[in-house]
Amino acid sequence: MKDRAHDDAMAEIFRNDPSYAVELLNSILEDGEQSELLIALRQMTKAFGGVAKVAKQAQLNGTHIYRTLSANGNPEIRSLTAILKTMGLRLAVQPIRSPQVHV
């Protein structure tokens, strides 16, 4: 049996089960680990046809996406929003717990 790269395996999982991708991204966002978020987004980009296709759909430069999602990347909100939109996703804000009123 031929070994597959982890990123390829994850891309296939994301293609076959988009709800898992959503759960994973939300879990990563809860933990606040940017490096994990970038890894998952790179894998998801692969699942959605690769950087060139996602870049075209997001109306971003392919090189910009590579840099944004690299290990040292620091995505701007508009880039992240555009990338997620091509995947049928969006960022959302949810309360952690009931807001406390400060007087």
PDB file of N, CA and C in Angstrom:
ATOM      1  N   MET A   1       0.846  -1.175   0.000  1.00  0.00           N
ATOM      2  CA  MET A   1       0.000   0.000   0.000  1.00  0.00           C
ATOM      3  C   MET A   1       0.891   1.238   0.000  1.00  0.00           C
ATOM      4  N   LYS A   2       0.538   2.208  -0.811  1.00  0.00           N
ATOM      5  CA  LYS A   2       1.307   3.437  -0.943  1.00  0.00           C
ATOM      6  C   LYS A   2       0.926   4.431   0.158  1.00  0.00           C
ATOM      7  N   ASP A   3       1.936   5.018   0.778  1.00  0.00           N
ATOM      8  CA  ASP A   3       1.677   6.038   1.797  1.00  0.00           C
ATOM      9  C   ASP A   3       1.246   7.334   1.127  1.00  0.00           C
ATOM     10  N   ARG A   4       0.329   8.047   1.799  1.00  0.00           N
ATOM     11  CA  ARG A   4      -0.079   9.363   1.319  1.00  0.00           C
ATOM     12  C   ARG A   4       0.381  10.410   2.307  1.00  0.00           C
ATOM     13  N   ALA A   5       0.640  11.579   1.803  1.00  0.00           N
ATOM     14  CA  ALA A   5       1.008  12.683   2.671  1.00  0.00           C
ATOM     15  C   ALA A   5      -0.185  13.045   3.553  1.00  0.00           C
ATOM     16  N   HIS A   6       0.114  13.486   4.753  1.00  0.00           N
ATOM     17  CA  HIS A   6      -0.939  13.870   5.702  1.00  0.00           C
ATOM     18  C   HIS A   6      -1.847  14.946   5.101  1.00  0.00           C
ATOM     19  N   ASP A   7      -1.255  15.954   4.462  1.00  0.00           N
ATOM     20  CA  ASP A   7      -2.060  17.030   3.873  1.00  0.00           C
ATOM     21  C   ASP A   7      -3.023  16.489   2.822  1.00  0.00           C
ATOM     22  N   ASP A   8      -2.566  15.518   2.011  1.00  0.00           N
ATOM     23  CA  ASP A   8      -3.441  14.924   1.005  1.00  0.00           C
ATOM     24  C   ASP A   8      -4.602  14.178   1.665  1.00  0.00           C
ATOM     25  N   ALA A   9      -4.297  13.441   2.718  1.00  0.00           N
ATOM     26  CA  ALA A   9      -5.335  12.694   3.433  1.00  0.00           C
ATOM     27  C   ALA A   9      -6.350  13.645   4.054  1.00  0.00           C
ATOM     28  N   MET A  10      -5.864  14.725   4.661  1.00  0.00           N
ATOM     29  CA  MET A  10      -6.782  15.690   5.275  1.00  0.00           C
ATOM     30  C   MET A  10      -7.630  16.391   4.218  1.00  0.00           C
ATOM     31  N   ALA A  11      -7.029  16.717   3.078  1.00  0.00           N
ATOM     32  CA  ALA A  11      -7.786  17.352   1.999  1.00  0.00           C
ATOM     33  C   ALA A  11      -8.931  16.453   1.562  1.00  0.00           C
ATOM     34  N   GLU A  12      -8.667  15.156   1.470  1.00  0.00           N
ATOM     35  CA  GLU A  12      -9.716  14.215   1.085  1.00  0.00           C
ATOM     36  C   GLU A  12     -10.822  14.160   2.136  1.00  0.00           C
ATOM     37  N   ILE A  13     -10.438  14.177   3.404  1.00  0.00           N
ATOM     38  CA  ILE A  13     -11.435  14.182   4.488  1.00  0.00           C
ATOM     39  C   ILE A  13     -12.302  15.431   4.390  1.00  0.00           C
ATOM     40  N   PHE A  14     -11.675  16.584   4.167  1.00  0.00           N
ATOM     41  CA  PHE A  14     -12.435  17.841   4.064  1.00  0.00           C
ATOM     42  C   PHE A  14     -13.382  17.814   2.870  1.00  0.00           C
ATOM     43  N   ARG A  15     -12.937  17.244   1.739  1.00  0.00           N
ATOM     44  CA  ARG A  15     -13.808  17.140   0.555  1.00  0.00           C
ATOM     45  C   ARG A  15     -15.005  16.247   0.844  1.00  0.00           C
ATOM     46  N   ASN A  16     -14.754  15.147   1.540  1.00  0.00           N
ATOM     47  CA  ASN A  16     -15.808  14.168   1.789  1.00  0.00           C
ATOM     48  C   ASN A  16     -16.721  14.535   2.959  1.00  0.00           C
ATOM     49  N   ASP A  17     -16.224  15.355   3.877  1.00  0.00           N
ATOM     50  CA  ASP A  17     -17.003  15.697   5.072  1.00  0.00           C
ATOM     51  C   ASP A  17     -16.777  17.163   5.454  1.00  0.00           C
ATOM     52  N   PRO A  18     -17.403  18.091   4.707  1.00  0.00           N
ATOM     53  CA  PRO A  18     -17.209  19.515   4.989  1.00  0.00           C
ATOM     54  C   PRO A  18     -17.588  19.909   6.414  1.00  0.00           C
ATOM     55  N   SER A  19     -18.531  19.198   7.021  1.00  0.00           N
ATOM     56  CA  SER A  19     -18.926  19.545   8.391  1.00  0.00           C
ATOM     57  C   SER A  19     -17.768  19.292   9.362  1.00  0.00           C
ATOM     58  N   TYR A  20     -16.941  18.309   9.070  1.00  0.00           N
ATOM     59  CA  TYR A  20     -15.758  18.064   9.898  1.00  0.00           C
ATOM     60  C   TYR A  20     -14.798  19.249   9.803  1.00  0.00           C
ATOM     61  N   ALA A  21     -14.654  19.793   8.602  1.00  0.00           N
ATOM     62  CA  ALA A  21     -13.780  20.954   8.416  1.00  0.00           C
ATOM     63  C   ALA A  21     -14.263  22.122   9.273  1.00  0.00           C
ATOM     64  N   VAL A  22     -15.568  22.331   9.288  1.00  0.00           N
ATOM     65  CA  VAL A  22     -16.146  23.420  10.094  1.00  0.00           C
ATOM     66  C   VAL A  22     -15.861  23.189  11.575  1.00  0.00           C
ATOM     67  N   GLU A  23     -16.089  21.961  12.054  1.00  0.00           N
ATOM     68  CA  GLU A  23     -15.833  21.637  13.461  1.00  0.00           C
ATOM     69  C   GLU A  23     -14.361  21.845  13.817  1.00  0.00           C
ATOM     70  N   LEU A  24     -13.483  21.398  12.932  1.00  0.00           N
ATOM     71  CA  LEU A  24     -12.053  21.534  13.184  1.00  0.00           C
ATOM     72  C   LEU A  24     -11.641  22.999  13.248  1.00  0.00           C
ATOM     73  N   LEU A  25     -12.086  23.793  12.285  1.00  0.00           N
ATOM     74  CA  LEU A  25     -11.737  25.219  12.285  1.00  0.00           C
ATOM     75  C   LEU A  25     -12.258  25.913  13.533  1.00  0.00           C
ATOM     76  N   ASN A  26     -13.489  25.622  13.930  1.00  0.00           N
ATOM     77  CA  ASN A  26     -14.041  26.236  15.137  1.00  0.00           C
ATOM     78  C   ASN A  26     -13.249  25.826  16.375  1.00  0.00           C
ATOM     79  N   SER A  27     -12.848  24.581  16.439  1.00  0.00           N
ATOM     80  CA  SER A  27     -12.040  24.107  17.565  1.00  0.00           C
ATOM     81  C   SER A  27     -10.700  24.832  17.615  1.00  0.00           C
ATOM     82  N   ILE A  28     -10.082  24.974  16.453  1.00  0.00           N
ATOM     83  CA  ILE A  28      -8.790  25.676  16.386  1.00  0.00           C
ATOM     84  C   ILE A  28      -8.960  27.130  16.793  1.00  0.00           C
ATOM     85  N   LEU A  29     -10.017  27.771  16.318  1.00  0.00           N
ATOM     86  CA  LEU A  29     -10.251  29.175  16.668  1.00  0.00           C
ATOM     87  C   LEU A  29     -10.499  29.349  18.163  1.00  0.00           C
ATOM     88  N   GLU A  30     -11.161  28.377  18.782  1.00  0.00           N
ATOM     89  CA  GLU A  30     -11.377  28.438  20.234  1.00  0.00           C
ATOM     90  C   GLU A  30     -10.055  28.398  20.982  1.00  0.00           C
ATOM     91  N   ASP A  31      -9.133  27.554  20.504  1.00  0.00           N
ATOM     92  CA  ASP A  31      -7.827  27.421  21.156  1.00  0.00           C
ATOM     93  C   ASP A  31      -6.907  28.592  20.859  1.00  0.00           C
ATOM     94  N   GLY A  32      -7.152  29.291  19.760  1.00  0.00           N
ATOM     95  CA  GLY A  32      -6.337  30.450  19.420  1.00  0.00           C
ATOM     96  C   GLY A  32      -4.971  30.131  18.847  1.00  0.00           C
ATOM     97  N   GLU A  33      -4.790  28.945  18.302  1.00  0.00           N
ATOM     98  CA  GLU A  33      -3.504  28.548  17.727  1.00  0.00           C
ATOM     99  C   GLU A  33      -3.448  28.918  16.250  1.00  0.00           C
ATOM    100  N   GLN A  34      -2.813  30.044  15.929  1.00  0.00           N
ATOM    101  CA  GLN A  34      -2.765  30.512  14.552  1.00  0.00           C
ATOM    102  C   GLN A  34      -2.039  29.527  13.647  1.00  0.00           C
ATOM    103  N   SER A  35      -0.974  28.910  14.122  1.00  0.00           N
ATOM    104  CA  SER A  35      -0.229  27.979  13.273  1.00  0.00           C
ATOM    105  C   SER A  35      -1.101  26.790  12.873  1.00  0.00           C
ATOM    106  N   GLU A  36      -1.915  26.293  13.792  1.00  0.00           N
ATOM    107  CA  GLU A  36      -2.827  25.185  13.469  1.00  0.00           C
ATOM    108  C   GLU A  36      -3.894  25.634  12.474  1.00  0.00           C
ATOM    109  N   LEU A  37      -4.376  26.859  12.640  1.00  0.00           N
ATOM    110  CA  LEU A  37      -5.374  27.394  11.715  1.00  0.00           C
ATOM    111  C   LEU A  37      -4.805  27.460  10.308  1.00  0.00           C
ATOM    112  N   LEU A  38      -3.577  27.937  10.177  1.00  0.00           N
ATOM    113  CA  LEU A  38      -2.962  28.062   8.858  1.00  0.00           C
ATOM    114  C   LEU A  38      -2.737  26.699   8.210  1.00  0.00           C
ATOM    115  N   ILE A  39      -2.361  25.714   9.002  1.00  0.00           N
ATOM    116  CA  ILE A  39      -2.184  24.358   8.471  1.00  0.00           C
ATOM    117  C   ILE A  39      -3.517  23.837   7.940  1.00  0.00           C
ATOM    118  N   ALA A  40      -4.565  23.962   8.736  1.00  0.00           N
ATOM    119  CA  ALA A  40      -5.884  23.477   8.318  1.00  0.00           C
ATOM    120  C   ALA A  40      -6.362  24.204   7.063  1.00  0.00           C
ATOM    121  N   LEU A  41      -6.129  25.504   6.995  1.00  0.00           N
ATOM    122  CA  LEU A  41      -6.552  26.265   5.815  1.00  0.00           C
ATOM    123  C   LEU A  41      -5.747  25.859   4.577  1.00  0.00           C
ATOM    124  N   ARG A  42      -4.464  25.558   4.744  1.00  0.00           N
ATOM    125  CA  ARG A  42      -3.671  25.061   3.611  1.00  0.00           C
ATOM    126  C   ARG A  42      -4.243  23.736   3.116  1.00  0.00           C
ATOM    127  N   GLN A  43      -4.574  22.861   4.046  1.00  0.00           N
ATOM    128  CA  GLN A  43      -5.157  21.570   3.676  1.00  0.00           C
ATOM    129  C   GLN A  43      -6.515  21.753   3.002  1.00  0.00           C
ATOM    130  N   MET A  44      -7.298  22.678   3.506  1.00  0.00           N
ATOM    131  CA  MET A  44      -8.606  22.937   2.920  1.00  0.00           C
ATOM    132  C   MET A  44      -8.473  23.545   1.530  1.00  0.00           C
ATOM    133  N   THR A  45      -7.465  24.388   1.348  1.00  0.00           N
ATOM    134  CA  THR A  45      -7.222  24.967   0.027  1.00  0.00           C
ATOM    135  C   THR A  45      -6.955  23.855  -0.980  1.00  0.00           C
ATOM    136  N   LYS A  46      -6.178  22.875  -0.554  1.00  0.00           N
ATOM    137  CA  LYS A  46      -5.905  21.717  -1.411  1.00  0.00           C
ATOM    138  C   LYS A  46      -7.217  20.989  -1.728  1.00  0.00           C
ATOM    139  N   ALA A  47      -8.076  20.836  -0.748  1.00  0.00           N
ATOM    140  CA  ALA A  47      -9.352  20.152  -0.936  1.00  0.00           C
ATOM    141  C   ALA A  47     -10.263  20.893  -1.906  1.00  0.00           C
ATOM    142  N   PHE A  48     -10.129  22.192  -1.986  1.00  0.00           N
ATOM    143  CA  PHE A  48     -10.979  23.011  -2.849  1.00  0.00           C
ATOM    144  C   PHE A  48     -10.330  23.335  -4.183  1.00  0.00           C
ATOM    145  N   GLY A  49      -9.397  22.482  -4.608  1.00  0.00           N
ATOM    146  CA  GLY A  49      -8.833  22.621  -5.951  1.00  0.00           C
ATOM    147  C   GLY A  49      -7.449  23.217  -6.029  1.00  0.00           C
ATOM    148  N   GLY A  50      -6.874  23.556  -4.904  1.00  0.00           N
ATOM    149  CA  GLY A  50      -5.515  24.092  -4.899  1.00  0.00           C
ATOM    150  C   GLY A  50      -5.477  25.606  -4.842  1.00  0.00           C
ATOM    151  N   VAL A  51      -4.281  26.109  -4.631  1.00  0.00           N
ATOM    152  CA  VAL A  51      -4.092  27.551  -4.446  1.00  0.00           C
ATOM    153  C   VAL A  51      -4.540  28.347  -5.662  1.00  0.00           C
ATOM    154  N   ALA A  52      -4.189  27.894  -6.865  1.00  0.00           N
ATOM    155  CA  ALA A  52      -4.533  28.661  -8.066  1.00  0.00           C
ATOM    156  C   ALA A  52      -6.048  28.838  -8.202  1.00  0.00           C
ATOM    157  N   LYS A  53      -6.780  27.768  -7.975  1.00  0.00           N
ATOM    158  CA  LYS A  53      -8.244  27.835  -8.104  1.00  0.00           C
ATOM    159  C   LYS A  53      -8.853  28.704  -7.004  1.00  0.00           C
ATOM    160  N   VAL A  54      -8.405  28.511  -5.763  1.00  0.00           N
ATOM    161  CA  VAL A  54      -8.927  29.309  -4.655  1.00  0.00           C
ATOM    162  C   VAL A  54      -8.569  30.783  -4.854  1.00  0.00           C
ATOM    163  N   ALA A  55      -7.354  31.050  -5.303  1.00  0.00           N
ATOM    164  CA  ALA A  55      -6.914  32.438  -5.534  1.00  0.00           C
ATOM    165  C   ALA A  55      -7.818  33.108  -6.569  1.00  0.00           C
ATOM    166  N   LYS A  56      -8.091  32.396  -7.658  1.00  0.00           N
ATOM    167  CA  LYS A  56      -8.946  32.963  -8.703  1.00  0.00           C
ATOM    168  C   LYS A  56     -10.336  33.255  -8.174  1.00  0.00           C
ATOM    169  N   GLN A  57     -10.916  32.292  -7.452  1.00  0.00           N
ATOM    170  CA  GLN A  57     -12.264  32.480  -6.916  1.00  0.00           C
ATOM    171  C   GLN A  57     -12.307  33.573  -5.858  1.00  0.00           C
ATOM    172  N   ALA A  58     -11.233  33.695  -5.080  1.00  0.00           N
ATOM    173  CA  ALA A  58     -11.185  34.705  -4.018  1.00  0.00           C
ATOM    174  C   ALA A  58     -10.723  36.060  -4.539  1.00  0.00           C
ATOM    175  N   GLN A  59     -10.362  36.102  -5.810  1.00  0.00           N
ATOM    176  CA  GLN A  59      -9.837  37.312  -6.440  1.00  0.00           C
ATOM    177  C   GLN A  59      -8.604  37.819  -5.701  1.00  0.00           C
ATOM    178  N   LEU A  60      -7.729  36.853  -5.374  1.00  0.00           N
ATOM    179  CA  LEU A  60      -6.458  37.156  -4.727  1.00  0.00           C
ATOM    180  C   LEU A  60      -5.330  36.585  -5.574  1.00  0.00           C
ATOM    181  N   ASN A  61      -4.149  37.118  -5.393  1.00  0.00           N
ATOM    182  CA  ASN A  61      -2.968  36.620  -6.074  1.00  0.00           C
ATOM    183  C   ASN A  61      -2.538  35.306  -5.428  1.00  0.00           C
ATOM    184  N   GLY A  62      -2.181  34.316  -6.246  1.00  0.00           N
ATOM    185  CA  GLY A  62      -1.761  33.017  -5.725  1.00  0.00           C
ATOM    186  C   GLY A  62      -0.585  33.126  -4.776  1.00  0.00           C
ATOM    187  N   THR A  63       0.381  33.975  -5.118  1.00  0.00           N
ATOM    188  CA  THR A  63       1.540  34.176  -4.249  1.00  0.00           C
ATOM    189  C   THR A  63       1.110  34.733  -2.906  1.00  0.00           C
ATOM    190  N   HIS A  64       0.117  35.612  -2.925  1.00  0.00           N
ATOM    191  CA  HIS A  64      -0.406  36.192  -1.676  1.00  0.00           C
ATOM    192  C   HIS A  64      -0.998  35.095  -0.787  1.00  0.00           C
ATOM    193  N   ILE A  65      -1.739  34.163  -1.401  1.00  0.00           N
ATOM    194  CA  ILE A  65      -2.325  33.073  -0.610  1.00  0.00           C
ATOM    195  C   ILE A  65      -1.235  32.179  -0.042  1.00  0.00           C
ATOM    196  N   TYR A  66      -0.231  31.853  -0.858  1.00  0.00           N
ATOM    197  CA  TYR A  66       0.883  31.037  -0.349  1.00  0.00           C
ATOM    198  C   TYR A  66       1.523  31.705   0.868  1.00  0.00           C
ATOM    199  N   ARG A  67       1.784  32.992   0.759  1.00  0.00           N
ATOM    200  CA  ARG A  67       2.404  33.721   1.883  1.00  0.00           C
ATOM    201  C   ARG A  67       1.468  33.799   3.087  1.00  0.00           C
ATOM    202  N   THR A  68       0.212  34.081   2.822  1.00  0.00           N
ATOM    203  CA  THR A  68      -0.774  34.224   3.893  1.00  0.00           C
ATOM    204  C   THR A  68      -0.908  32.942   4.701  1.00  0.00           C
ATOM    205  N   LEU A  69      -0.913  31.801   4.013  1.00  0.00           N
ATOM    206  CA  LEU A  69      -1.135  30.519   4.682  1.00  0.00           C
ATOM    207  C   LEU A  69       0.157  29.783   5.027  1.00  0.00           C
ATOM    208  N   SER A  70       1.295  30.447   4.816  1.00  0.00           N
ATOM    209  CA  SER A  70       2.575  29.815   5.154  1.00  0.00           C
ATOM    210  C   SER A  70       2.725  29.724   6.669  1.00  0.00           C
ATOM    211  N   ALA A  71       3.723  28.969   7.099  1.00  0.00           N
ATOM    212  CA  ALA A  71       3.972  28.797   8.538  1.00  0.00           C
ATOM    213  C   ALA A  71       4.190  30.141   9.228  1.00  0.00           C
ATOM    214  N   ASN A  72       4.728  31.112   8.510  1.00  0.00           N
ATOM    215  CA  ASN A  72       4.969  32.444   9.083  1.00  0.00           C
ATOM    216  C   ASN A  72       3.897  33.446   8.676  1.00  0.00           C
ATOM    217  N   GLY A  73       2.830  32.956   8.062  1.00  0.00           N
ATOM    218  CA  GLY A  73       1.778  33.848   7.572  1.00  0.00           C
ATOM    219  C   GLY A  73       1.024  34.541   8.690  1.00  0.00           C
ATOM    220  N   ASN A  74       0.487  35.684   8.346  1.00  0.00           N
ATOM    221  CA  ASN A  74      -0.319  36.458   9.279  1.00  0.00           C
ATOM    222  C   ASN A  74      -1.475  37.045   8.470  1.00  0.00           C
ATOM    223  N   PRO A  75      -2.521  36.237   8.242  1.00  0.00           N
ATOM    224  CA  PRO A  75      -3.577  36.659   7.322  1.00  0.00           C
ATOM    225  C   PRO A  75      -4.331  37.890   7.799  1.00  0.00           C
ATOM    226  N   GLU A  76      -4.568  38.772   6.837  1.00  0.00           N
ATOM    227  CA  GLU A  76      -5.441  39.911   7.103  1.00  0.00           C
ATOM    228  C   GLU A  76      -6.875  39.398   7.080  1.00  0.00           C
ATOM    229  N   ILE A  77      -7.741  40.076   7.769  1.00  0.00           N
ATOM    230  CA  ILE A  77      -9.134  39.647   7.858  1.00  0.00           C
ATOM    231  C   ILE A  77      -9.775  39.570   6.479  1.00  0.00           C
ATOM    232  N   ARG A  78      -9.469  40.514   5.593  1.00  0.00           N
ATOM    233  CA  ARG A  78     -10.107  40.491   4.265  1.00  0.00           C
ATOM    234  C   ARG A  78      -9.626  39.305   3.436  1.00  0.00           C
ATOM    235  N   SER A  79      -8.343  38.926   3.569  1.00  0.00           N
ATOM    236  CA  SER A  79      -7.830  37.759   2.854  1.00  0.00           C
ATOM    237  C   SER A  79      -8.456  36.488   3.405  1.00  0.00           C
ATOM    238  N   LEU A  80      -8.484  36.389   4.718  1.00  0.00           N
ATOM    239  CA  LEU A  80      -9.063  35.220   5.363  1.00  0.00           C
ATOM    240  C   LEU A  80     -10.536  35.080   4.992  1.00  0.00           C
ATOM    241  N   THR A  81     -11.253  36.179   4.992  1.00  0.00           N
ATOM    242  CA  THR A  81     -12.666  36.175   4.627  1.00  0.00           C
ATOM    243  C   THR A  81     -12.853  35.729   3.181  1.00  0.00           C
ATOM    244  N   ALA A  82     -12.019  36.226   2.279  1.00  0.00           N
ATOM    245  CA  ALA A  82     -12.120  35.864   0.862  1.00  0.00           C
ATOM    246  C   ALA A  82     -11.821  34.380   0.655  1.00  0.00           C
ATOM    247  N   ILE A  83     -10.800  33.874   1.330  1.00  0.00           N
ATOM    248  CA  ILE A  83     -10.437  32.464   1.210  1.00  0.00           C
ATOM    249  C   ILE A  83     -11.566  31.582   1.732  1.00  0.00           C
ATOM    250  N   LEU A  84     -12.072  31.906   2.907  1.00  0.00           N
ATOM    251  CA  LEU A  84     -13.160  31.123   3.489  1.00  0.00           C
ATOM    252  C   LEU A  84     -14.417  31.165   2.625  1.00  0.00           C
ATOM    253  N   LYS A  85     -14.689  32.309   2.032  1.00  0.00           N
ATOM    254  CA  LYS A  85     -15.893  32.452   1.205  1.00  0.00           C
ATOM    255  C   LYS A  85     -15.843  31.484   0.026  1.00  0.00           C
ATOM    256  N   THR A  86     -14.660  31.277  -0.562  1.00  0.00           N
ATOM    257  CA  THR A  86     -14.554  30.335  -1.684  1.00  0.00           C
ATOM    258  C   THR A  86     -14.865  28.908  -1.244  1.00  0.00           C
ATOM    259  N   MET A  87     -14.762  28.661   0.054  1.00  0.00           N
ATOM    260  CA  MET A  87     -15.029  27.333   0.602  1.00  0.00           C
ATOM    261  C   MET A  87     -16.444  27.229   1.167  1.00  0.00           C
ATOM    262  N   GLY A  88     -17.217  28.298   0.973  1.00  0.00           N
ATOM    263  CA  GLY A  88     -18.584  28.301   1.479  1.00  0.00           C
ATOM    264  C   GLY A  88     -18.661  28.540   2.970  1.00  0.00           C
ATOM    265  N   LEU A  89     -17.642  29.185   3.522  1.00  0.00           N
ATOM    266  CA  LEU A  89     -17.568  29.435   4.963  1.00  0.00           C
ATOM    267  C   LEU A  89     -17.435  30.927   5.235  1.00  0.00           C
ATOM    268  N   ARG A  90     -17.647  31.295   6.478  1.00  0.00           N
ATOM    269  CA  ARG A  90     -17.450  32.690   6.893  1.00  0.00           C
ATOM    270  C   ARG A  90     -17.041  32.719   8.358  1.00  0.00           C
ATOM    271  N   LEU A  91     -16.426  33.804   8.744  1.00  0.00           N
ATOM    272  CA  LEU A  91     -16.109  34.021  10.152  1.00  0.00           C
ATOM    273  C   LEU A  91     -17.348  34.530  10.861  1.00  0.00           C
ATOM    274  N   ALA A  92     -17.486  34.180  12.116  1.00  0.00           N
ATOM    275  CA  ALA A  92     -18.619  34.645  12.903  1.00  0.00           C
ATOM    276  C   ALA A  92     -18.137  34.896  14.336  1.00  0.00           C
ATOM    277  N   VAL A  93     -18.822  35.784  15.005  1.00  0.00           N
ATOM    278  CA  VAL A  93     -18.508  36.075  16.400  1.00  0.00           C
ATOM    279  C   VAL A  93     -19.623  35.499  17.251  1.00  0.00           C
ATOM    280  N   GLN A  94     -19.228  34.759  18.297  1.00  0.00           N
ATOM    281  CA  GLN A  94     -20.204  34.178  19.206  1.00  0.00           C
ATOM    282  C   GLN A  94     -19.772  34.490  20.628  1.00  0.00           C
ATOM    283  N   PRO A  95     -20.751  34.692  21.511  1.00  0.00           N
ATOM    284  CA  PRO A  95     -20.383  34.961  22.901  1.00  0.00           C
ATOM    285  C   PRO A  95     -19.784  33.727  23.563  1.00  0.00           C
ATOM    286  N   ILE A  96     -18.835  33.960  24.441  1.00  0.00           N
ATOM    287  CA  ILE A  96     -18.236  32.876  25.216  1.00  0.00           C
ATOM    288  C   ILE A  96     -19.181  32.502  26.347  1.00  0.00           C
ATOM    289  N   ARG A  97     -19.724  33.499  26.976  1.00  0.00           N
ATOM    290  CA  ARG A  97     -20.716  33.310  28.051  1.00  0.00           C
ATOM    291  C   ARG A  97     -21.572  34.566  28.083  1.00  0.00           C
ATOM    292  N   SER A  98     -22.532  34.583  28.955  1.00  0.00           N
ATOM    293  CA  SER A  98     -23.413  35.758  29.020  1.00  0.00           C
ATOM    294  C   SER A  98     -22.584  37.005  29.294  1.00  0.00           C
ATOM    295  N   PRO A  99     -22.829  38.059  28.514  1.00  0.00           N
ATOM    296  CA  PRO A  99     -22.074  39.287  28.729  1.00  0.00           C
ATOM    297  C   PRO A  99     -22.387  39.887  30.097  1.00  0.00           C
ATOM    298  N   GLN A 100     -21.360  40.412  30.714  1.00  0.00           N
ATOM    299  CA  GLN A 100     -21.536  41.073  32.002  1.00  0.00           C
ATOM    300  C   GLN A 100     -21.586  42.567  31.770  1.00  0.00           C
ATOM    301  N   VAL A 101     -22.520  43.190  32.410  1.00  0.00           N
ATOM    302  CA  VAL A 101     -22.677  44.635  32.271  1.00  0.00           C
ATOM    303  C   VAL A 101     -21.747  45.311  33.263  1.00  0.00           C
ATOM    304  N   HIS A 102     -20.905  46.208  32.744  1.00  0.00           N
ATOM    305  CA  HIS A 102     -20.007  46.968  33.620  1.00  0.00           C
ATOM    306  C   HIS A 102     -20.523  48.387  33.717  1.00  0.00           C
ATOM    307  N   VAL A 103     -20.678  48.868  34.923  1.00  0.00           N
ATOM    308  CA  VAL A 103     -21.182  50.211  35.139  1.00  0.00           C
ATOM    309  C   VAL A 103     -20.084  51.122  35.598  1.00  0.00           C
TER     310      VAL A 103
END
